[in-house]
Structure formats: C-alpha cells, structure tokens
C-alpha atoms as a PDB file:
ATOM      1  CA  MET A   1     179.896 -28.449  75.058  1.00  0.00           C
ATOM      2  CA  THR A   2     178.956 -26.887  71.710  1.00  0.00           C
ATOM      3  CA  ASN A   3     175.425 -28.344  71.936  1.00  0.00           C
ATOM      4  CA  SER A   4     174.798 -26.879  75.395  1.00  0.00           C
ATOM      5  CA  PRO A   5     173.216 -23.409  75.733  1.00  0.00           C
ATOM      6  CA  ILE A   6     176.417 -22.039  77.302  1.00  0.00           C
ATOM      7  CA  GLY A   7     178.508 -23.548  74.510  1.00  0.00           C
ATOM      8  CA  LYS A   8     176.267 -22.041  71.834  1.00  0.00           C
ATOM      9  CA  LEU A   9     176.424 -18.640  73.517  1.00  0.00           C
ATOM     10  CA  LEU A  10     180.222 -18.826  73.769  1.00  0.00           C
ATOM     11  CA  PHE A  11     180.516 -19.875  70.124  1.00  0.00           C
ATOM     12  CA  SER A  12     178.236 -17.016  68.991  1.00  0.00           C
ATOM     13  CA  THR A  13     180.232 -14.506  71.039  1.00  0.00           C
ATOM     14  CA  ILE A  14     183.553 -15.681  69.584  1.00  0.00           C
ATOM     15  CA  PHE A  15     182.097 -15.602  66.052  1.00  0.00           C
ATOM     16  CA  PHE A  16     180.775 -12.049  66.543  1.00  0.00           C
ATOM     17  CA  LEU A  17     184.112 -10.856  67.915  1.00  0.00           C
ATOM     18  CA  PHE A  18     185.849 -12.451  64.949  1.00  0.00           C
ATOM     19  CA  GLN A  19     183.534 -10.595  62.555  1.00  0.00           C
ATOM     20  CA  PHE A  20     184.034  -7.340  64.434  1.00  0.00           C
ATOM     21  CA  THR A  21     187.815  -7.755  64.321  1.00  0.00           C
ATOM     22  CA  THR A  22     187.597  -8.493  60.596  1.00  0.00           C
ATOM     23  CA  ILE A  23     185.654  -5.275  60.028  1.00  0.00           C
ATOM     24  CA  LEU A  24     188.210  -3.234  61.926  1.00  0.00           C
ATOM     25  CA  SER A  25     191.090  -4.825  60.018  1.00  0.00           C
ATOM     26  CA  LEU A  26     189.741  -3.988  56.549  1.00  0.00           C
ATOM     27  CA  ASN A  27     191.908  -1.483  54.733  1.00  0.00           C
ATOM     28  CA  ILE A  28     189.758   0.993  52.813  1.00  0.00           C
ATOM     29  CA  LYS A  29     191.902   3.356  50.783  1.00  0.00           C
ATOM     30  CA  SER A  30     189.150   5.368  49.089  1.00  0.00           C
ATOM     31  CA  THR A  31     185.393   5.816  48.735  1.00  0.00           C
ATOM     32  CA  ILE A  32     183.990   6.931  45.387  1.00  0.00           C
ATOM     33  CA  ASN A  33     180.598   8.666  45.559  1.00  0.00           C
ATOM     34  CA  LEU A  34     178.415   7.544  42.662  1.00  0.00           C
ATOM     35  CA  GLY A  35     175.418   9.757  43.443  1.00  0.00           C
ATOM     36  CA  SER A  36     171.872   9.216  44.667  1.00  0.00           C
ATOM     37  CA  LEU A  37     169.024   6.862  43.833  1.00  0.00           C
ATOM     38  CA  VAL A  38     165.340   7.346  44.672  1.00  0.00           C
ATOM     39  CA  LYS A  39     162.982   4.392  45.143  1.00  0.00           C
ATOM     40  CA  GLN A  40     159.253   4.698  45.806  1.00  0.00           C
ATOM     41  CA  TYR A  41     156.988   2.085  47.359  1.00  0.00           C
ATOM     42  CA  SER A  42     153.303   1.938  48.289  1.00  0.00           C
ATOM     43  CA  ASP A  43     150.932  -0.196  50.347  1.00  0.00           C
ATOM     44  CA  ASN A  44     150.168  -2.212  47.218  1.00  0.00           C
ATOM     45  CA  ASP A  45     153.742  -3.532  47.089  1.00  0.00           C
ATOM     46  CA  VAL A  46     153.739  -6.843  48.995  1.00  0.00           C
ATOM     47  CA  ALA A  47     157.197  -7.983  50.156  1.00  0.00           C
ATOM     48  CA  MET A  48     158.809  -5.850  47.476  1.00  0.00           C
ATOM     49  CA  LEU A  49     162.367  -6.874  46.568  1.00  0.00           C
ATOM     50  CA  TYR A  50     164.824  -4.215  45.390  1.00  0.00           C
ATOM     51  CA  LYS A  51     168.192  -5.003  43.795  1.00  0.00           C
ATOM     52  CA  LEU A  52     171.183  -2.720  44.267  1.00  0.00           C
ATOM     53  CA  LYS A  53     174.038  -3.533  41.879  1.00  0.00           C
ATOM     54  CA  CYS A  54     177.680  -3.067  42.730  1.00  0.00           C
ATOM     55  CA  GLN A  55     178.977  -0.325  40.439  1.00  0.00           C
ATOM     56  CA  ASN A  56     182.626  -1.345  40.742  1.00  0.00           C
ATOM     57  CA  GLN A  57     185.003   0.158  38.197  1.00  0.00           C
ATOM     58  CA  ILE A  58     187.796  -2.375  38.786  1.00  0.00           C
ATOM     59  CA  THR A  59     187.832  -6.161  38.841  1.00  0.00           C
ATOM     60  CA  PRO A  60     188.072  -7.369  42.465  1.00  0.00           C
ATOM     61  CA  ILE A  61     191.103  -9.475  43.355  1.00  0.00           C
ATOM     62  CA  ASN A  62     190.053 -13.033  44.270  1.00  0.00           C
ATOM     63  CA  SER A  63     186.419 -11.911  43.765  1.00  0.00           C
ATOM     64  CA  SER A  64     186.655 -10.183  47.142  1.00  0.00           C
ATOM     65  CA  ILE A  65     183.602  -7.914  47.531  1.00  0.00           C
ATOM     66  CA  PHE A  66     181.771  -6.827  50.657  1.00  0.00           C
ATOM     67  CA  TRP A  67     178.885  -4.457  51.318  1.00  0.00           C
ATOM     68  CA  MET A  68     178.476  -1.816  53.992  1.00  0.00           C
ATOM     69  CA  TYR A  69     175.312  -0.014  55.066  1.00  0.00           C
ATOM     70  CA  ASN A  70     175.767   3.382  56.731  1.00  0.00           C
ATOM     71  CA  ASN A  71     179.498   2.640  57.225  1.00  0.00           C
ATOM     72  CA  SER A  72     178.886  -0.730  58.906  1.00  0.00           C
ATOM     73  CA  GLU A  73     179.509  -4.180  57.447  1.00  0.00           C
ATOM     74  CA  ILE A  74     176.913  -5.627  59.834  1.00  0.00           C
ATOM     75  CA  LEU A  75     173.870  -5.474  57.551  1.00  0.00           C
ATOM     76  CA  PRO A  76     170.234  -5.250  58.709  1.00  0.00           C
ATOM     77  CA  PRO A  77     168.273  -8.552  58.494  1.00  0.00           C
ATOM     78  CA  ASN A  78     166.434  -7.544  55.308  1.00  0.00           C
ATOM     79  CA  LEU A  79     169.678  -6.988  53.352  1.00  0.00           C
ATOM     80  CA  ASN A  80     171.109 -10.038  51.573  1.00  0.00           C
ATOM     81  CA  ASP A  81     174.617  -9.903  50.088  1.00  0.00           C
ATOM     82  CA  LYS A  82     175.090 -13.592  49.219  1.00  0.00           C
ATOM     83  CA  ASP A  83     175.463 -12.626  45.574  1.00  0.00           C
ATOM     84  CA  LYS A  84     178.318 -10.208  46.183  1.00  0.00           C
ATOM     85  CA  SER A  85     177.745  -8.263  42.974  1.00  0.00           C
ATOM     86  CA  THR A  86     174.127  -7.503  43.918  1.00  0.00           C
ATOM     87  CA  LEU A  87     172.579  -6.516  47.246  1.00  0.00           C
ATOM     88  CA  LEU A  88     168.960  -7.627  47.731  1.00  0.00           C
ATOM     89  CA  ILE A  89     166.718  -5.426  49.895  1.00  0.00           C
ATOM     90  CA  SER A  90     163.478  -7.152  50.914  1.00  0.00           C
ATOM     91  CA  ASN A  91     160.349  -5.443  52.297  1.00  0.00           C
ATOM     92  CA  ILE A  92     161.826  -2.058  51.416  1.00  0.00           C
ATOM     93  CA  THR A  93     160.596   0.959  53.427  1.00  0.00           C
ATOM     94  CA  GLU A  94     161.820   4.431  54.406  1.00  0.00           C
ATOM     95  CA  ARG A  95     164.024   2.745  57.031  1.00  0.00           C
ATOM     96  CA  ASP A  96     166.259   1.487  54.215  1.00  0.00           C
ATOM     97  CA  THR A  97     167.263   5.028  53.249  1.00  0.00           C
ATOM     98  CA  GLY A  98     171.019   5.411  53.693  1.00  0.00           C
ATOM     99  CA  LEU A  99     174.535   4.908  52.361  1.00  0.00           C
ATOM    100  CA  TYR A 100     175.345   1.684  50.502  1.00  0.00           C
ATOM    101  CA  ASP A 101     179.030   0.933  49.886  1.00  0.00           C
ATOM    102  CA  CYS A 102     180.188  -1.887  47.627  1.00  0.00           C
ATOM    103  CA  CYS A 103     183.881  -2.416  48.448  1.00  0.00           C
ATOM    104  CA  VAL A 104     186.229  -4.392  46.182  1.00  0.00           C
ATOM    105  CA  LEU A 105     189.771  -5.576  46.807  1.00  0.00           C
ATOM    106  CA  ASP A 106     192.451  -3.896  44.677  1.00  0.00           C
ATOM    107  CA  VAL A 107     195.912  -5.196  43.688  1.00  0.00           C
ATOM    108  CA  ASP A 108     197.534  -3.465  46.679  1.00  0.00           C
ATOM    109  CA  ASN A 109     195.396  -5.530  49.068  1.00  0.00           C
ATOM    110  CA  MET A 110     193.321  -2.469  49.953  1.00  0.00           C
ATOM    111  CA  TYR A 111     189.646  -1.856  49.264  1.00  0.00           C
ATOM    112  CA  ILE A 112     187.996   0.719  47.023  1.00  0.00           C
ATOM    113  CA  CYS A 113     184.389   1.425  48.006  1.00  0.00           C
ATOM    114  CA  TYR A 114     181.742   2.566  45.522  1.00  0.00           C
ATOM    115  CA  ARG A 115     179.012   4.464  47.371  1.00  0.00           C
ATOM    116  CA  GLN A 116     175.386   4.796  46.334  1.00  0.00           C
ATOM    117  CA  THR A 117     173.021   6.924  48.402  1.00  0.00           C
ATOM    118  CA  LEU A 118     169.535   5.414  48.410  1.00  0.00           C
ATOM    119  CA  ARG A 119     166.477   7.449  49.337  1.00  0.00           C
ATOM    120  CA  VAL A 120     163.293   5.434  49.858  1.00  0.00           C
ATOM    121  CA  LEU A 121     160.000   7.337  49.686  1.00  0.00           C
ATOM    122  CA  TYR A 122     156.469   6.243  50.518  1.00  0.00           C
ATOM    123  CA  LYS A 123     154.094   6.776  47.596  1.00  0.00           C
ATOM    124  CA  ALA A 124     150.544   7.304  48.823  1.00  0.00           C
ATOM    125  CA  PRO A 125     147.805   5.710  46.688  1.00  0.00           C
ATOM    126  CA  VAL A 126     145.558   8.260  44.953  1.00  0.00           C
ATOM    127  CA  PHE A 127     141.753   8.011  44.800  1.00  0.00           C
ATOM    128  CA  ALA A 128     139.058  10.104  43.120  1.00  0.00           C
ATOM    129  CA  ILE A 129     135.660   9.668  44.814  1.00  0.00           C
ATOM    130  CA  ASP A 130     132.321  10.970  43.553  1.00  0.00           C
ATOM    131  CA  MET A 131     130.345  11.955  46.676  1.00  0.00           C
ATOM    132  CA  ARG A 132     127.358  13.565  44.903  1.00  0.00           C
ATOM    133  CA  ALA A 133     125.078  10.566  45.395  1.00  0.00           C
ATOM    134  CA  LYS A 134     126.711   9.266  48.586  1.00  0.00           C
ATOM    135  CA  ASN A 135     126.301  10.144  52.224  1.00  0.00           C
ATOM    136  CA  SER A 136     129.271   8.064  53.406  1.00  0.00           C
ATOM    137  CA  THR A 137     132.440   6.390  52.147  1.00  0.00           C
ATOM    138  CA  ILE A 138     135.345   4.299  53.436  1.00  0.00           C
ATOM    139  CA  ILE A 139     138.899   5.349  52.558  1.00  0.00           C
ATOM    140  CA  GLN A 140     142.147   3.581  53.411  1.00  0.00           C
ATOM    141  CA  LYS A 141     144.739   5.207  55.636  1.00  0.00           C
ATOM    142  CA  ASN A 142     147.743   7.059  54.121  1.00  0.00           C
ATOM    143  CA  ALA A 143     145.960   7.826  50.841  1.00  0.00           C
ATOM    144  CA  ASN A 144     145.637  11.023  48.814  1.00  0.00           C
ATOM    145  CA  VAL A 145     141.958  11.582  48.016  1.00  0.00           C
ATOM    146  CA  TYR A 146     140.141  13.964  45.668  1.00  0.00           C
ATOM    147  CA  LEU A 147     136.373  14.353  46.164  1.00  0.00           C
ATOM    148  CA  TRP A 148     133.641  15.558  43.814  1.00  0.00           C
ATOM    149  CA  LEU A 149     130.947  17.080  46.045  1.00  0.00           C
ATOM    150  CA  PHE A 150     128.520  19.173  43.969  1.00  0.00           C
ATOM    151  CA  ASN A 151     126.695  18.787  40.649  1.00  0.00           C
ATOM    152  CA  GLU A 152     127.517  22.390  39.838  1.00  0.00           C
ATOM    153  CA  SER A 153     130.896  24.080  39.795  1.00  0.00           C
ATOM    154  CA  PHE A 154     131.060  26.564  42.661  1.00  0.00           C
ATOM    155  CA  SER A 155     133.626  29.313  42.955  1.00  0.00           C
ATOM    156  CA  ASN A 156     133.645  29.014  46.730  1.00  0.00           C
ATOM    157  CA  ILE A 157     133.273  25.909  48.913  1.00  0.00           C
ATOM    158  CA  ASN A 158     133.374  26.071  52.712  1.00  0.00           C
ATOM    159  CA  CYS A 159     133.337  22.929  54.843  1.00  0.00           C
ATOM    160  CA  SER A 160     133.330  22.003  58.510  1.00  0.00           C
ATOM    161  CA  PHE A 161     134.403  18.786  60.240  1.00  0.00           C
ATOM    162  CA  ASN A 162     132.391  17.552  63.245  1.00  0.00           C
ATOM    163  CA  GLU A 163     131.022  21.123  63.456  1.00  0.00           C
ATOM    164  CA  LYS A 164     134.567  22.492  63.756  1.00  0.00           C
ATOM    165  CA  ILE A 165     137.229  23.686  61.323  1.00  0.00           C
ATOM    166  CA  LEU A 166     138.684  21.213  58.847  1.00  0.00           C
ATOM    167  CA  PRO A 167     141.772  19.173  59.821  1.00  0.00           C
ATOM    168  CA  SER A 168     145.055  20.645  58.605  1.00  0.00           C
ATOM    169  CA  ASN A 169     145.380  18.023  55.828  1.00  0.00           C
ATOM    170  CA  VAL A 170     141.956  18.745  54.253  1.00  0.00           C
ATOM    171  CA  PHE A 171     141.597  21.420  51.562  1.00  0.00           C
ATOM    172  CA  THR A 172     138.774  22.777  49.371  1.00  0.00           C
ATOM    173  CA  ASN A 173     138.670  24.547  46.004  1.00  0.00           C
ATOM    174  CA  ILE A 174     141.768  22.785  44.646  1.00  0.00           C
ATOM    175  CA  ALA A 175     143.510  24.704  41.877  1.00  0.00           C
ATOM    176  CA  ASN A 176     146.020  22.089  40.693  1.00  0.00           C
ATOM    177  CA  LEU A 177     145.141  18.427  40.187  1.00  0.00           C
ATOM    178  CA  PRO A 178     147.219  15.511  38.862  1.00  0.00           C
ATOM    179  CA  THR A 179     146.923  15.046  35.113  1.00  0.00           C
ATOM    180  CA  ASP A 180     145.030  11.761  35.540  1.00  0.00           C
ATOM    181  CA  ILE A 181     142.351  13.276  37.843  1.00  0.00           C
ATOM    182  CA  SER A 182     139.342  14.994  36.258  1.00  0.00           C
ATOM    183  CA  LEU A 183     138.703  18.669  37.121  1.00  0.00           C
ATOM    184  CA  GLU A 184     135.343  17.778  38.714  1.00  0.00           C
ATOM    185  CA  TYR A 185     137.215  16.322  41.701  1.00  0.00           C
ATOM    186  CA  LYS A 186     138.619  19.716  42.751  1.00  0.00           C
ATOM    187  CA  ASP A 187     135.979  20.320  45.460  1.00  0.00           C
ATOM    188  CA  MET A 188     137.951  18.693  48.292  1.00  0.00           C
ATOM    189  CA  PHE A 189     141.381  17.121  48.752  1.00  0.00           C
ATOM    190  CA  ILE A 190     142.618  15.059  51.730  1.00  0.00           C
ATOM    191  CA  ASN A 191     146.404  14.795  51.869  1.00  0.00           C
ATOM    192  CA  LYS A 192     147.636  11.490  53.342  1.00  0.00           C
ATOM    193  CA  THR A 193     144.521  10.379  55.191  1.00  0.00           C
ATOM    194  CA  SER A 194     144.786   9.521  58.877  1.00  0.00           C
ATOM    195  CA  LEU A 195     142.405   8.131  61.489  1.00  0.00           C
ATOM    196  CA  GLU A 196     141.777  11.715  62.619  1.00  0.00           C
ATOM    197  CA  ASN A 197     139.959  12.329  59.304  1.00  0.00           C
ATOM    198  CA  THR A 198     137.137   9.974  60.309  1.00  0.00           C
ATOM    199  CA  GLY A 199     133.996  12.011  61.003  1.00  0.00           C
ATOM    200  CA  ASN A 200     131.118  14.109  59.694  1.00  0.00           C
ATOM    201  CA  TYR A 201     131.699  16.718  56.989  1.00  0.00           C
ATOM    202  CA  SER A 202     129.294  19.517  56.106  1.00  0.00           C
ATOM    203  CA  CYS A 203     129.932  21.701  53.048  1.00  0.00           C
ATOM    204  CA  ILE A 204     128.338  24.781  51.481  1.00  0.00           C
ATOM    205  CA  GLY A 205     128.860  25.544  47.813  1.00  0.00           C
ATOM    206  CA  SER A 206     128.358  29.217  46.976  1.00  0.00           C
ATOM    207  CA  ALA A 207     127.796  31.074  43.709  1.00  0.00           C
ATOM    208  CA  ILE A 208     125.983  34.272  42.721  1.00  0.00           C
ATOM    209  CA  ASN A 209     122.495  34.133  44.320  1.00  0.00           C
ATOM    210  CA  ARG A 210     122.871  30.397  44.996  1.00  0.00           C
ATOM    211  CA  ARG A 211     123.948  28.219  47.916  1.00  0.00           C
ATOM    212  CA  VAL A 212     123.891  24.426  48.154  1.00  0.00           C
ATOM    213  CA  THR A 213     124.532  22.438  51.337  1.00  0.00           C
ATOM    214  CA  MET A 214     125.585  18.798  51.602  1.00  0.00           C
ATOM    215  CA  SER A 215     126.751  16.506  54.420  1.00  0.00           C
ATOM    216  CA  PHE A 216     128.577  13.181  54.398  1.00  0.00           C
ATOM    217  CA  TYR A 217     130.552  10.824  56.632  1.00  0.00           C
ATOM    218  CA  ILE A 218     134.078   9.552  55.956  1.00  0.00           C
ATOM    219  CA  HIS A 219     135.562   6.524  57.698  1.00  0.00           C
ATOM    220  CA  ILE A 220     139.325   5.986  57.461  1.00  0.00           C
ATOM    221  CA  ASN A 221     140.216   2.293  57.456  1.00  0.00           C
ATOM    222  CA  SER A 222     143.455   1.664  59.370  1.00  0.00           C
ATOM    223  CA  SER A 223     144.248  -1.648  57.620  1.00  0.00           C
ATOM    224  CA  SER A 224     146.402  -1.284  54.504  1.00  0.00           C
ATOM    225  CA  TYR A 225     146.321  -3.400  51.355  1.00  0.00           C
ATOM    226  CA  ILE A 226     149.411  -5.238  52.584  1.00  0.00           C
ATOM    227  CA  HIS A 227     147.654  -6.366  55.757  1.00  0.00           C
ATOM    228  CA  LYS A 228     144.626  -7.471  53.748  1.00  0.00           C
ATOM    229  CA  ASN A 229     146.744  -9.398  51.259  1.00  0.00           C
ATOM    230  CA  ILE A 230     148.723 -11.103  54.018  1.00  0.00           C
ATOM    231  CA  LEU A 231     145.458 -12.114  55.727  1.00  0.00           C
ATOM    232  CA  ILE A 232     144.025 -13.506  52.483  1.00  0.00           C
ATOM    233  CA  ILE A 233     147.216 -15.466  51.760  1.00  0.00           C
ATOM    234  CA  SER A 234     147.323 -16.851  55.324  1.00  0.00           C
ATOM    235  CA  VAL A 235     143.671 -17.939  55.290  1.00  0.00           C
ATOM    236  CA  THR A 236     144.085 -19.559  51.866  1.00  0.00           C
ATOM    237  CA  PHE A 237     147.181 -21.449  53.063  1.00  0.00           C
ATOM    238  CA  PHE A 238     145.417 -22.866  56.124  1.00  0.00           C
ATOM    239  CA  ILE A 239     142.354 -23.888  54.094  1.00  0.00           C
ATOM    240  CA  VAL A 240     144.539 -25.765  51.597  1.00  0.00           C
ATOM    241  CA  PHE A 241     146.631 -27.288  54.413  1.00  0.00           C
ATOM    242  CA  PHE A 242     143.670 -28.611  56.413  1.00  0.00           C
ATOM    243  CA  THR A 243     141.881 -29.810  53.260  1.00  0.00           C
ATOM    244  CA  HIS A 244     144.987 -31.819  52.391  1.00  0.00           C
ATOM    245  CA  LEU A 245     145.067 -33.350  55.898  1.00  0.00           C
ATOM    246  CA  ILE A 246     141.407 -34.338  55.752  1.00  0.00           C
ATOM    247  CA  MET A 247     141.766 -35.987  52.342  1.00  0.00           C
ATOM    248  CA  GLN A 248     144.742 -38.115  53.438  1.00  0.00           C
END
C-alpha cells in the first residue's frame, strides 16, 4: 500500500500532521532578542550561501536545537538546518528578510529561543560610463549608472528623453558622487535602471555665452549577470557531456 500513490499521499499527510502536532507541543518559555543583521547581495552573487549561527547562551539538553523562521518551524525550501548550530540560507534574496529563532532545550524541558532579525538588501551594481565619444551604450537592468557627457564642465545641463521629460529615476548635475567615482561623471545619474530607461536622450550643456548639444541612445538589458552565468555554465556542461558520450 505504501508504494501506491494513495499510500504515499496518506503517509505524507500523517507525517505532516505529526510535524504540525510536534510544533504545537513545543514549550517555549522565553525569546531573547539579539538584535538585527543586515546582508547585501547583488546580481554578481551566483547561488550565494549565507550562514546564520545559533547564538545560544546555554548548552542544549540532549543537543536539542530547532530553528524557526517568522515564528514557524516549517522552514522555506532554501533554508537548511541539518547542522543544528548553523542555519544555511541558499540563493539569498530580499524574500529571506525576517525573524530567525534558534531554540534550545533547557534543563526544565522547555525551550529558550534566541532571535536574530535578518534584513536582506539588494545592492545595485555601480557603473561609470564615458559617453563623450559614444552615441549609444548598453546597460544592465537594476544598476546605478553615472555618465560623463561633455568635454567641458557645465554649470547647467538639461536633458530630454524621447523628446519628453526625463524619467523619474534620471538626474542631471549631480552634486554628490560615491568616493570611487570621478567628478567628471556628475553630468547624469540613473538610479536603478529599468526597461523604461531604454530610449533616446538629448542634452544641452550651458555656460556663459556657450551651449553644447549632444544626443545618445541607451538600451537597458533585462538579463542579469546571474542569468548569463547560469547560461554559460549550462552550455559548458552540455558540451562536456556530449563530448564525453562521443568519445566513448
């Protein structure tokens, strides 16, 4: 019966109910808040693995430790608690932001939970692009981009996008730049590029008795570095696999 589809379904249901009953029967006497952690990730991080250590202040009786995520012992698929003292989070994204409780069994047969609040933030890649000798460029999606437009430094730069006003995430005449970006790239800044930033830009640089006009095209590429890396790895795997078959 166990090998039949109905038997497997019945077994899975009983096992789930057993787990659920176990969760309800756990005796948690206190939760100690240990503060917050911040983790950043970017598109360059392929299958990034993050380790969250149990910060228990007592030795668990019978090595009894369990983890909870957002007050539930049923963990998402990308959380691995096989090593009870460390929780592994694979492919970490903003979705993994939440409450992480490491609960240990005390001498009174009740659990003390040590809570860490994890905040996961997306870190956009930053680019500095010299557009003075270009009439077009390709930029990846979800990037922060600084552009150098004119040979001269103008006190006032006005730009249009597809003969209309600039998108809300595009700025000119930037006053504050990151320390690793040269001041020449202050002409234009695109905050977290999106597909809507693809189009034709026309800019006028103005100074006393002088005006310079330039136009260029920006294409936002929707594929991230992760997608490209996964594609490269997949293609390489199949080439090696089929080469091995042919040589046998």
